[in-house]
Amino acid sequence: MFEGGAAWATRTPDDYLVTFDDFSNVPEYLNPDASFKLKLTKNTNILCGHNYNGIVQTLNILIQHINVGRKIKLLDQVPLFELVDFADKVQLKNGIVPKLNSNIIDYWDQYVHEGVKQEALDKKYLVPEYD
């Protein structure tokens, strides 16, 4: 998903992100000072504004990197994800809920923590898709 190549060799630690397909695969030696930008774990609640928008911002950094090469090759650019305004407690009580990107929630549900999609549907943060 990320076209990084040997970019790690020319960057400082703040300029690159370590990504894995499963949280249990992240070796401790890659994070000796707990400096991962988002400090995500399998149990992180991504249905709150700070965490969800942090994931969006991180994905957008990766997409922007991919788009640099795509622009040079005159290819269509990958669209960025949109940040979401999260309602406060009063707004939530009045029925105003955030509308989350179903792709982010689907992937988190499948690869990180099963049940997040159902929780988002229950909270009406996602609109069920009909075929």
N, C-alpha and C. Protein backbone atom coordinates (compact mmCIF):
# COMPACT_ATOMS: atom_id res chain seq x y z
N MET A 1 0.81 -1.18 0.00
CA MET A 1 0.00 0.00 0.00
C MET A 1 0.87 1.26 0.00
N PHE A 2 2.08 1.18 0.56
CA PHE A 2 2.92 2.36 0.62
C PHE A 2 4.17 2.13 -0.22
N GLU A 3 4.39 2.99 -1.20
CA GLU A 3 5.53 2.86 -2.09
C GLU A 3 6.73 3.58 -1.49
N GLY A 4 7.39 2.96 -0.53
CA GLY A 4 8.45 3.64 0.19
C GLY A 4 9.83 3.42 -0.38
N GLY A 5 10.08 2.24 -0.92
CA GLY A 5 11.41 1.95 -1.43
C GLY A 5 12.45 2.13 -0.34
N ALA A 6 13.57 2.76 -0.68
CA ALA A 6 14.64 3.00 0.28
C ALA A 6 14.55 4.39 0.87
N ALA A 7 13.35 4.94 0.92
CA ALA A 7 13.18 6.30 1.45
C ALA A 7 13.68 6.41 2.88
N TRP A 8 13.60 5.33 3.63
CA TRP A 8 14.04 5.36 5.02
C TRP A 8 15.51 5.74 5.14
N ALA A 9 16.31 5.44 4.13
CA ALA A 9 17.74 5.70 4.20
C ALA A 9 18.08 7.18 4.07
N THR A 10 17.15 7.97 3.57
CA THR A 10 17.42 9.39 3.35
C THR A 10 16.56 10.30 4.23
N ARG A 11 15.93 9.75 5.24
CA ARG A 11 15.02 10.53 6.07
C ARG A 11 15.44 10.47 7.53
N THR A 12 14.99 11.45 8.29
CA THR A 12 15.15 11.40 9.74
C THR A 12 13.95 10.63 10.30
N PRO A 13 14.03 10.16 11.55
CA PRO A 13 12.91 9.40 12.12
C PRO A 13 11.57 10.12 12.05
N ASP A 14 11.55 11.45 12.13
CA ASP A 14 10.28 12.17 12.08
C ASP A 14 9.68 12.18 10.68
N ASP A 15 10.46 11.80 9.67
CA ASP A 15 10.00 11.87 8.29
C ASP A 15 9.44 10.55 7.76
N TYR A 16 9.49 9.51 8.53
CA TYR A 16 8.94 8.25 8.03
C TYR A 16 8.08 7.57 9.08
N LEU A 17 7.22 6.71 8.62
CA LEU A 17 6.32 5.98 9.51
C LEU A 17 6.59 4.49 9.35
N VAL A 18 6.57 3.77 10.43
CA VAL A 18 6.73 2.33 10.39
C VAL A 18 5.33 1.73 10.33
N THR A 19 5.08 0.91 9.33
CA THR A 19 3.76 0.31 9.18
C THR A 19 3.86 -1.20 9.09
N PHE A 20 2.89 -1.88 9.64
CA PHE A 20 2.84 -3.34 9.62
C PHE A 20 1.40 -3.76 9.37
N ASP A 21 1.22 -5.00 8.91
CA ASP A 21 -0.13 -5.48 8.63
C ASP A 21 -0.84 -5.97 9.88
N ASP A 22 -0.15 -6.07 10.99
CA ASP A 22 -0.76 -6.52 12.23
C ASP A 22 0.02 -5.90 13.39
N PHE A 23 -0.67 -5.39 14.39
CA PHE A 23 0.02 -4.73 15.48
C PHE A 23 0.97 -5.64 16.22
N SER A 24 0.67 -6.93 16.26
CA SER A 24 1.55 -7.85 16.97
C SER A 24 2.88 -8.06 16.25
N ASN A 25 2.97 -7.61 15.00
CA ASN A 25 4.20 -7.76 14.23
C ASN A 25 5.19 -6.61 14.41
N VAL A 26 4.83 -5.58 15.14
CA VAL A 26 5.74 -4.44 15.33
C VAL A 26 6.77 -4.83 16.38
N PRO A 27 8.04 -4.97 15.98
CA PRO A 27 9.07 -5.34 16.96
C PRO A 27 9.38 -4.19 17.91
N GLU A 28 9.63 -4.52 19.16
CA GLU A 28 9.89 -3.51 20.19
C GLU A 28 11.09 -2.63 19.85
N TYR A 29 12.12 -3.21 19.19
CA TYR A 29 13.32 -2.42 18.93
C TYR A 29 13.07 -1.27 17.95
N LEU A 30 11.96 -1.30 17.21
CA LEU A 30 11.64 -0.19 16.32
C LEU A 30 10.98 0.97 17.04
N ASN A 31 10.60 0.74 18.27
CA ASN A 31 9.92 1.79 19.02
C ASN A 31 10.46 1.86 20.46
N PRO A 32 11.77 2.03 20.61
CA PRO A 32 12.35 1.97 21.96
C PRO A 32 11.89 3.08 22.90
N ASP A 33 11.54 4.24 22.36
CA ASP A 33 11.14 5.35 23.22
C ASP A 33 9.66 5.70 23.08
N ALA A 34 8.87 4.76 22.57
CA ALA A 34 7.42 4.94 22.41
C ALA A 34 7.09 6.21 21.63
N SER A 35 7.82 6.43 20.55
CA SER A 35 7.65 7.69 19.82
C SER A 35 6.80 7.56 18.56
N PHE A 36 6.07 6.45 18.41
CA PHE A 36 5.19 6.36 17.24
C PHE A 36 4.27 7.57 17.24
N LYS A 37 4.09 8.14 16.11
CA LYS A 37 3.35 9.39 15.98
C LYS A 37 1.94 9.31 16.58
N LEU A 38 1.24 8.21 16.34
CA LEU A 38 -0.14 8.12 16.80
C LEU A 38 -0.31 7.29 18.07
N LYS A 39 0.69 6.53 18.44
CA LYS A 39 0.62 5.66 19.62
C LYS A 39 -0.65 4.80 19.59
N LEU A 40 -0.90 4.18 18.45
CA LEU A 40 -2.08 3.33 18.30
C LEU A 40 -1.82 1.93 18.85
N THR A 41 -2.84 1.35 19.41
CA THR A 41 -2.80 -0.06 19.79
C THR A 41 -4.06 -0.71 19.22
N LYS A 42 -4.13 -2.00 19.37
CA LYS A 42 -5.30 -2.73 18.87
C LYS A 42 -6.59 -2.21 19.52
N ASN A 43 -6.49 -1.75 20.75
CA ASN A 43 -7.68 -1.31 21.49
C ASN A 43 -7.93 0.19 21.43
N THR A 44 -7.19 0.91 20.59
CA THR A 44 -7.42 2.35 20.45
C THR A 44 -8.82 2.60 19.91
N ASN A 45 -9.52 3.52 20.53
CA ASN A 45 -10.87 3.89 20.08
C ASN A 45 -10.74 4.86 18.91
N ILE A 46 -10.95 4.35 17.69
CA ILE A 46 -10.82 5.23 16.52
C ILE A 46 -12.12 5.96 16.22
N LEU A 47 -13.12 5.77 17.04
CA LEU A 47 -14.40 6.45 16.83
C LEU A 47 -14.47 7.77 17.58
N CYS A 48 -13.33 8.26 18.06
CA CYS A 48 -13.30 9.60 18.65
C CYS A 48 -12.44 10.48 17.76
N GLY A 49 -12.68 11.78 17.84
CA GLY A 49 -12.08 12.73 16.91
C GLY A 49 -10.58 12.72 16.82
N HIS A 50 -9.90 12.75 17.95
CA HIS A 50 -8.45 12.83 17.94
C HIS A 50 -7.83 11.62 17.23
N ASN A 51 -8.28 10.44 17.56
CA ASN A 51 -7.70 9.23 16.98
C ASN A 51 -8.08 9.07 15.51
N TYR A 52 -9.34 9.25 15.19
CA TYR A 52 -9.78 9.10 13.80
C TYR A 52 -9.07 10.10 12.90
N ASN A 53 -9.07 11.36 13.29
CA ASN A 53 -8.44 12.39 12.47
C ASN A 53 -6.92 12.22 12.42
N GLY A 54 -6.33 11.66 13.47
CA GLY A 54 -4.90 11.35 13.43
C GLY A 54 -4.59 10.30 12.38
N ILE A 55 -5.46 9.30 12.28
CA ILE A 55 -5.29 8.27 11.24
C ILE A 55 -5.46 8.90 9.87
N VAL A 56 -6.46 9.75 9.70
CA VAL A 56 -6.67 10.43 8.41
C VAL A 56 -5.44 11.24 8.04
N GLN A 57 -4.90 12.00 8.96
CA GLN A 57 -3.72 12.82 8.67
C GLN A 57 -2.53 11.96 8.28
N THR A 58 -2.34 10.84 8.96
CA THR A 58 -1.23 9.95 8.65
C THR A 58 -1.41 9.32 7.28
N LEU A 59 -2.62 8.84 6.98
CA LEU A 59 -2.87 8.28 5.65
C LEU A 59 -2.64 9.33 4.57
N ASN A 60 -3.05 10.56 4.83
CA ASN A 60 -2.86 11.63 3.84
C ASN A 60 -1.38 11.93 3.60
N ILE A 61 -0.54 11.82 4.63
CA ILE A 61 0.90 11.99 4.44
C ILE A 61 1.42 10.92 3.48
N LEU A 62 0.99 9.69 3.68
CA LEU A 62 1.41 8.59 2.80
C LEU A 62 0.89 8.79 1.38
N ILE A 63 -0.36 9.20 1.26
CA ILE A 63 -0.97 9.41 -0.06
C ILE A 63 -0.27 10.56 -0.78
N GLN A 64 0.05 11.63 -0.06
CA GLN A 64 0.76 12.74 -0.69
C GLN A 64 2.12 12.30 -1.22
N HIS A 65 2.79 11.43 -0.48
CA HIS A 65 4.07 10.89 -0.95
C HIS A 65 3.88 10.08 -2.23
N ILE A 66 2.87 9.26 -2.26
CA ILE A 66 2.56 8.46 -3.46
C ILE A 66 2.22 9.39 -4.62
N ASN A 67 1.45 10.43 -4.34
CA ASN A 67 1.01 11.34 -5.40
C ASN A 67 2.15 12.12 -6.04
N VAL A 68 3.25 12.33 -5.32
CA VAL A 68 4.40 13.01 -5.93
C VAL A 68 4.87 12.23 -7.16
N GLY A 69 5.05 10.93 -6.99
CA GLY A 69 5.46 10.09 -8.11
C GLY A 69 4.40 10.00 -9.19
N ARG A 70 3.16 9.91 -8.79
CA ARG A 70 2.06 9.82 -9.75
C ARG A 70 1.97 11.11 -10.58
N LYS A 71 2.20 12.25 -9.94
CA LYS A 71 2.15 13.53 -10.65
C LYS A 71 3.28 13.60 -11.68
N ILE A 72 4.47 13.16 -11.29
CA ILE A 72 5.62 13.16 -12.21
C ILE A 72 5.33 12.29 -13.43
N LYS A 73 4.65 11.17 -13.20
CA LYS A 73 4.34 10.23 -14.29
C LYS A 73 3.04 10.59 -15.01
N LEU A 74 2.45 11.74 -14.65
CA LEU A 74 1.20 12.22 -15.24
C LEU A 74 0.05 11.23 -15.04
N LEU A 75 0.05 10.55 -13.90
CA LEU A 75 -1.03 9.62 -13.56
C LEU A 75 -2.05 10.33 -12.68
N ASP A 76 -3.25 9.79 -12.63
CA ASP A 76 -4.27 10.34 -11.73
C ASP A 76 -3.77 10.23 -10.29
N GLN A 77 -4.04 11.26 -9.52
CA GLN A 77 -3.62 11.25 -8.13
C GLN A 77 -4.65 10.56 -7.25
N VAL A 78 -4.17 9.94 -6.19
CA VAL A 78 -5.03 9.28 -5.22
C VAL A 78 -5.68 10.38 -4.36
N PRO A 79 -7.01 10.37 -4.22
CA PRO A 79 -7.66 11.41 -3.42
C PRO A 79 -7.31 11.28 -1.94
N LEU A 80 -7.22 12.41 -1.28
CA LEU A 80 -6.95 12.43 0.15
C LEU A 80 -8.23 12.17 0.93
N PHE A 81 -8.07 11.67 2.15
CA PHE A 81 -9.20 11.50 3.05
C PHE A 81 -9.55 12.84 3.68
N GLU A 82 -10.79 13.02 4.06
CA GLU A 82 -11.23 14.28 4.67
C GLU A 82 -11.24 14.15 6.19
N LEU A 83 -10.78 15.22 6.85
CA LEU A 83 -10.91 15.29 8.30
C LEU A 83 -12.39 15.43 8.64
N VAL A 84 -12.76 14.96 9.80
CA VAL A 84 -14.17 14.96 10.21
C VAL A 84 -14.34 15.82 11.45
N ASP A 85 -15.37 16.67 11.44
CA ASP A 85 -15.73 17.43 12.64
C ASP A 85 -16.53 16.50 13.55
N PHE A 86 -16.04 16.31 14.75
CA PHE A 86 -16.73 15.45 15.70
C PHE A 86 -17.61 16.29 16.60
N ALA A 87 -18.82 15.83 16.81
CA ALA A 87 -19.78 16.54 17.66
C ALA A 87 -19.36 16.45 19.12
N ASP A 88 -19.70 17.47 19.90
CA ASP A 88 -19.46 17.40 21.34
C ASP A 88 -20.62 16.63 21.99
N LYS A 89 -20.58 16.47 23.30
CA LYS A 89 -21.59 15.66 23.99
C LYS A 89 -23.00 16.21 23.81
N VAL A 90 -23.14 17.52 23.83
CA VAL A 90 -24.47 18.14 23.67
C VAL A 90 -24.98 17.88 22.25
N GLN A 91 -24.12 18.07 21.26
CA GLN A 91 -24.52 17.82 19.87
C GLN A 91 -24.88 16.35 19.66
N LEU A 92 -24.09 15.45 20.25
CA LEU A 92 -24.40 14.02 20.13
C LEU A 92 -25.77 13.72 20.74
N LYS A 93 -26.06 14.32 21.88
CA LYS A 93 -27.35 14.12 22.54
C LYS A 93 -28.49 14.62 21.65
N ASN A 94 -28.22 15.66 20.86
CA ASN A 94 -29.22 16.21 19.95
C ASN A 94 -29.25 15.53 18.58
N GLY A 95 -28.51 14.45 18.45
CA GLY A 95 -28.57 13.65 17.23
C GLY A 95 -27.58 14.03 16.14
N ILE A 96 -26.66 14.94 16.42
CA ILE A 96 -25.65 15.31 15.43
C ILE A 96 -24.47 14.35 15.59
N VAL A 97 -24.19 13.58 14.56
CA VAL A 97 -23.11 12.59 14.65
C VAL A 97 -22.12 12.79 13.50
N PRO A 98 -20.86 12.40 13.72
CA PRO A 98 -19.87 12.50 12.64
C PRO A 98 -20.15 11.44 11.58
N LYS A 99 -19.76 11.75 10.36
CA LYS A 99 -19.89 10.79 9.25
C LYS A 99 -18.49 10.33 8.88
N LEU A 100 -18.16 9.09 9.23
CA LEU A 100 -16.82 8.56 9.04
C LEU A 100 -16.68 7.86 7.70
N ASN A 101 -15.46 7.81 7.20
CA ASN A 101 -15.17 7.14 5.95
C ASN A 101 -15.27 5.64 6.15
N SER A 102 -16.14 4.99 5.40
CA SER A 102 -16.36 3.56 5.59
C SER A 102 -15.13 2.72 5.26
N ASN A 103 -14.28 3.19 4.34
CA ASN A 103 -13.06 2.42 4.02
C ASN A 103 -12.13 2.33 5.23
N ILE A 104 -11.95 3.44 5.91
CA ILE A 104 -11.08 3.43 7.10
C ILE A 104 -11.64 2.49 8.15
N ILE A 105 -12.93 2.60 8.40
CA ILE A 105 -13.57 1.75 9.41
C ILE A 105 -13.53 0.28 8.99
N ASP A 106 -13.80 -0.02 7.73
CA ASP A 106 -13.76 -1.40 7.24
C ASP A 106 -12.38 -2.03 7.42
N TYR A 107 -11.34 -1.30 7.05
CA TYR A 107 -9.99 -1.83 7.17
C TYR A 107 -9.59 -2.01 8.63
N TRP A 108 -9.94 -1.04 9.47
CA TRP A 108 -9.63 -1.17 10.89
C TRP A 108 -10.35 -2.40 11.46
N ASP A 109 -11.60 -2.59 11.07
CA ASP A 109 -12.39 -3.73 11.55
C ASP A 109 -11.80 -5.06 11.10
N GLN A 110 -11.32 -5.13 9.87
CA GLN A 110 -10.79 -6.38 9.32
C GLN A 110 -9.37 -6.69 9.78
N TYR A 111 -8.54 -5.66 9.91
CA TYR A 111 -7.13 -5.91 10.16
C TYR A 111 -6.66 -5.60 11.57
N VAL A 112 -7.41 -4.79 12.31
CA VAL A 112 -6.92 -4.38 13.63
C VAL A 112 -7.84 -4.85 14.74
N HIS A 113 -9.09 -4.43 14.71
CA HIS A 113 -9.99 -4.73 15.83
C HIS A 113 -11.40 -5.01 15.33
N GLU A 114 -11.74 -6.27 15.28
CA GLU A 114 -13.07 -6.66 14.81
C GLU A 114 -14.14 -6.12 15.76
N GLY A 115 -15.22 -5.61 15.19
CA GLY A 115 -16.33 -5.08 15.97
C GLY A 115 -16.45 -3.57 15.88
N VAL A 116 -15.40 -2.89 15.38
CA VAL A 116 -15.43 -1.44 15.27
C VAL A 116 -16.49 -0.99 14.27
N LYS A 117 -16.63 -1.73 13.19
CA LYS A 117 -17.63 -1.35 12.18
C LYS A 117 -19.03 -1.41 12.77
N GLN A 118 -19.32 -2.48 13.50
CA GLN A 118 -20.65 -2.60 14.09
C GLN A 118 -20.90 -1.50 15.11
N GLU A 119 -19.87 -1.16 15.88
CA GLU A 119 -20.01 -0.07 16.85
C GLU A 119 -20.29 1.26 16.13
N ALA A 120 -19.59 1.49 15.02
CA ALA A 120 -19.81 2.73 14.24
C ALA A 120 -21.22 2.74 13.65
N LEU A 121 -21.69 1.59 13.19
CA LEU A 121 -23.07 1.51 12.67
C LEU A 121 -24.07 1.76 13.79
N ASP A 122 -23.83 1.16 14.95
CA ASP A 122 -24.74 1.34 16.09
C ASP A 122 -24.84 2.82 16.51
N LYS A 123 -23.72 3.52 16.42
CA LYS A 123 -23.70 4.95 16.79
C LYS A 123 -24.18 5.84 15.64
N LYS A 124 -24.47 5.21 14.50
CA LYS A 124 -24.91 5.92 13.30
C LYS A 124 -23.82 6.83 12.71
N TYR A 125 -22.55 6.43 12.94
CA TYR A 125 -21.43 7.15 12.35
C TYR A 125 -21.22 6.73 10.90
N LEU A 126 -21.78 5.60 10.52
CA LEU A 126 -21.74 5.10 9.15
C LEU A 126 -23.16 4.83 8.70
N VAL A 127 -23.39 5.03 7.44
CA VAL A 127 -24.70 4.69 6.87
C VAL A 127 -24.53 3.32 6.21
N PRO A 128 -25.37 2.34 6.59
CA PRO A 128 -25.23 1.03 5.98
C PRO A 128 -25.40 1.10 4.47
N GLU A 129 -24.57 0.34 3.76
CA GLU A 129 -24.64 0.33 2.31
C GLU A 129 -25.65 -0.72 1.86
N TYR A 130 -26.44 -0.34 0.86
CA TYR A 130 -27.43 -1.26 0.32
C TYR A 130 -27.07 -1.60 -1.10
N ASP A 131 -27.19 -2.87 -1.42
CA ASP A 131 -26.89 -3.32 -2.81
C ASP A 131 -28.12 -3.20 -3.68
